[in-house]
């Protein structure tokens, strides 16, 4: 059994939706927000849910690649934030949303770009947790979260390893 399977945390669409709505509840008192900035790709779904719940119409993306399906690598900004969003941040609060903060490398970069933004994630690991203002669920650093967009329906082995 590989290490990732030993600490697997599969998340269903229903659970992710509930957790994203819970994030919106926590953020409601922090607003109003001028815009939501989604860190793509993982932040797209929770950003859409939070934006709907908080009635935020302006949604921007920043694309920062740091993961492939197996490991974390170096950061690469694939798409930056528009000048209009930077300007909106001068007159109103910006809300940055991602699915997970892991080591914090992505969030360090986001904090450099948007030091005044409110940063929120659905899930947080201990190394990255200090870099976010709001999150819903903390998991151990060695847990691998399987998000619903990464899963297919198939047989699941019992936790004890039986058939």
Protein backbone atom coordinates (compact mmCIF):
# COMPACT_ATOMS: atom_id res chain seq x y z
CA UNK A 1 0.00 0.00 0.00
CA UNK A 2 1.45 3.40 -0.92
CA UNK A 3 1.55 6.28 1.57
CA UNK A 4 -1.14 8.22 -0.28
CA UNK A 5 -3.62 5.33 -0.04
CA UNK A 6 -2.90 4.94 3.69
CA UNK A 7 -4.10 8.48 4.41
CA UNK A 8 -6.68 8.88 1.66
CA UNK A 9 -9.52 11.34 2.24
CA UNK A 10 -12.05 10.99 -0.60
CA UNK A 11 -14.51 13.88 -0.81
CA UNK A 12 -17.88 13.45 -2.55
CA UNK A 13 -19.63 16.20 -4.53
CA UNK A 14 -22.26 16.47 -1.78
CA UNK A 15 -19.66 16.84 0.96
CA UNK A 16 -17.65 19.36 -1.04
CA UNK A 17 -20.77 21.42 -1.72
CA UNK A 18 -21.71 21.40 1.98
CA UNK A 19 -18.17 22.36 2.99
CA UNK A 20 -18.07 25.17 0.42
CA UNK A 21 -21.40 26.52 1.69
CA UNK A 22 -20.05 26.34 5.24
CA UNK A 23 -17.10 28.42 4.04
CA UNK A 24 -19.54 30.99 2.66
CA UNK A 25 -21.30 31.13 6.05
CA UNK A 26 -17.99 31.88 7.76
CA UNK A 27 -17.09 34.53 5.19
CA UNK A 28 -20.46 36.32 5.19
CA UNK A 29 -19.53 38.50 8.17
CA UNK A 30 -16.17 39.44 6.59
CA UNK A 31 -17.69 41.09 3.49
CA UNK A 32 -18.86 42.71 1.46
CA UNK A 33 -16.28 41.75 -1.14
CA UNK A 34 -15.58 43.59 -4.39
CA UNK A 35 -14.60 40.37 -6.16
CA UNK A 36 -13.74 36.73 -5.73
CA UNK A 37 -10.42 35.48 -7.06
CA UNK A 38 -10.33 31.76 -7.70
CA UNK A 39 -7.02 29.93 -7.71
CA UNK A 40 -7.43 27.56 -10.62
CA UNK A 41 -8.18 24.85 -11.06
CA UNK A 42 -9.08 23.60 -7.60
CA UNK A 43 -10.58 26.87 -6.46
CA UNK A 44 -13.08 27.15 -9.31
CA UNK A 45 -15.85 25.06 -7.75
CA UNK A 46 -15.72 26.51 -4.23
CA UNK A 47 -15.37 30.04 -5.65
CA UNK A 48 -18.54 29.58 -7.69
CA UNK A 49 -20.42 28.31 -4.64
CA UNK A 50 -19.14 31.04 -2.33
CA UNK A 51 -19.79 33.76 -4.93
CA UNK A 52 -23.36 32.54 -5.35
CA UNK A 53 -24.00 32.37 -1.61
CA UNK A 54 -22.52 35.82 -0.96
CA UNK A 55 -24.06 37.32 -4.13
CA UNK A 56 -20.70 38.36 -5.57
CA UNK A 57 -20.90 38.87 -9.33
CA UNK A 58 -17.26 39.62 -10.15
CA UNK A 59 -15.16 36.46 -10.31
CA UNK A 60 -11.54 36.48 -11.46
CA UNK A 61 -9.02 33.68 -11.76
CA UNK A 62 -5.34 33.32 -11.17
CA UNK A 63 -3.77 30.17 -12.50
CA UNK A 64 -0.84 28.88 -10.50
CA UNK A 65 0.41 25.41 -11.33
CA UNK A 66 2.08 23.54 -8.50
CA UNK A 67 0.61 20.03 -8.57
CA UNK A 68 0.25 17.24 -11.02
CA UNK A 69 -1.84 14.23 -10.10
CA UNK A 70 1.00 12.67 -8.06
CA UNK A 71 3.28 15.31 -6.58
CA UNK A 72 3.91 18.97 -5.85
CA UNK A 73 6.46 20.80 -7.96
CA UNK A 74 7.69 24.35 -8.53
CA UNK A 75 5.23 27.22 -8.90
CA UNK A 76 4.37 28.65 -12.28
CA UNK A 77 1.94 31.54 -12.81
CA UNK A 78 0.04 30.61 -15.95
CA UNK A 79 -2.49 33.47 -15.79
CA UNK A 80 -2.29 36.58 -13.63
CA UNK A 81 -4.98 38.82 -12.21
CA UNK A 82 -6.41 41.58 -14.40
CA UNK A 83 -5.52 45.22 -13.69
CA UNK A 84 -9.23 45.92 -13.04
CA UNK A 85 -9.22 43.45 -10.15
CA UNK A 86 -6.09 45.00 -8.66
CA UNK A 87 -7.89 48.36 -8.88
CA UNK A 88 -11.02 46.91 -7.25
CA UNK A 89 -8.80 45.81 -4.37
CA UNK A 90 -7.87 49.44 -3.74
CA UNK A 91 -11.49 50.39 -3.03
CA UNK A 92 -12.99 47.15 -1.74
CA UNK A 93 -12.13 43.82 -0.20
CA UNK A 94 -10.91 40.99 -2.40
CA UNK A 95 -11.64 37.38 -1.52
CA UNK A 96 -9.25 34.65 -2.67
CA UNK A 97 -10.65 31.10 -2.73
CA UNK A 98 -8.92 27.75 -3.19
CA UNK A 99 -9.87 24.17 -2.45
CA UNK A 100 -6.85 23.38 -0.27
CA UNK A 101 -3.81 24.95 1.31
CA UNK A 102 -1.11 22.29 1.60
CA UNK A 103 2.49 23.43 2.11
CA UNK A 104 1.55 27.08 1.66
CA UNK A 105 3.77 27.69 -1.36
CA UNK A 106 0.89 28.85 -3.58
CA UNK A 107 -0.57 31.01 -0.82
CA UNK A 108 2.79 32.69 -0.17
CA UNK A 109 2.78 33.82 -3.79
CA UNK A 110 -0.86 34.95 -3.57
CA UNK A 111 -0.13 36.88 -0.37
CA UNK A 112 2.74 38.67 -2.11
CA UNK A 113 0.44 39.66 -4.99
CA UNK A 114 -2.57 40.55 -2.84
CA UNK A 115 -1.40 41.33 0.70
CA UNK A 116 -4.73 42.87 1.79
CA UNK A 117 -6.99 40.12 0.41
CA UNK A 118 -9.07 37.80 2.57
CA UNK A 119 -7.82 34.27 1.80
CA UNK A 120 -10.04 31.23 2.33
CA UNK A 121 -9.82 27.53 1.56
CA UNK A 122 -12.18 24.65 2.11
CA UNK A 123 -9.45 22.37 3.49
CA UNK A 124 -6.17 23.15 5.22
CA UNK A 125 -3.05 21.21 6.17
CA UNK A 126 -0.86 22.32 9.11
CA UNK A 127 2.03 23.75 7.04
CA UNK A 128 -0.25 26.02 5.02
CA UNK A 129 -2.88 26.85 7.63
CA UNK A 130 -1.15 30.04 8.92
CA UNK A 131 -1.38 31.54 5.41
CA UNK A 132 -5.18 31.45 5.20
CA UNK A 133 -7.66 33.57 7.11
CA UNK A 134 -10.56 31.13 6.95
CA UNK A 135 -10.96 27.40 6.29
CA UNK A 136 -13.46 24.66 7.13
CA UNK A 137 -11.64 21.38 7.75
CA UNK A 138 -8.06 20.65 8.76
CA UNK A 139 -6.45 17.36 7.74
CA UNK A 140 -3.02 16.00 8.62
CA UNK A 141 -0.07 16.96 6.43
CA UNK A 142 0.31 13.37 5.19
CA UNK A 143 -3.35 13.07 4.10
CA UNK A 144 -4.07 13.05 0.36
CA UNK A 145 -7.44 14.57 -0.46
CA UNK A 146 -9.21 13.04 -3.44
CA UNK A 147 -11.55 15.73 -4.76
CA UNK A 148 -14.75 14.71 -6.54
CA UNK A 149 -13.51 15.90 -9.93
CA UNK A 150 -10.57 13.49 -9.59
CA UNK A 151 -12.71 10.43 -8.85
CA UNK A 152 -14.73 7.86 -10.74
CA UNK A 153 -17.30 5.46 -9.34
CA UNK A 154 -15.63 2.14 -8.60
CA UNK A 155 -15.23 -0.52 -5.94
CA UNK A 156 -13.67 0.74 -2.71
CA UNK A 157 -11.56 -1.62 -0.61
CA UNK A 158 -12.48 -1.72 3.07
CA UNK A 159 -10.18 0.36 5.28
CA UNK A 160 -8.85 -2.79 6.97
CA UNK A 161 -7.68 -4.04 3.57
CA UNK A 162 -10.09 -6.93 3.12
CA UNK A 163 -11.81 -7.91 -0.08
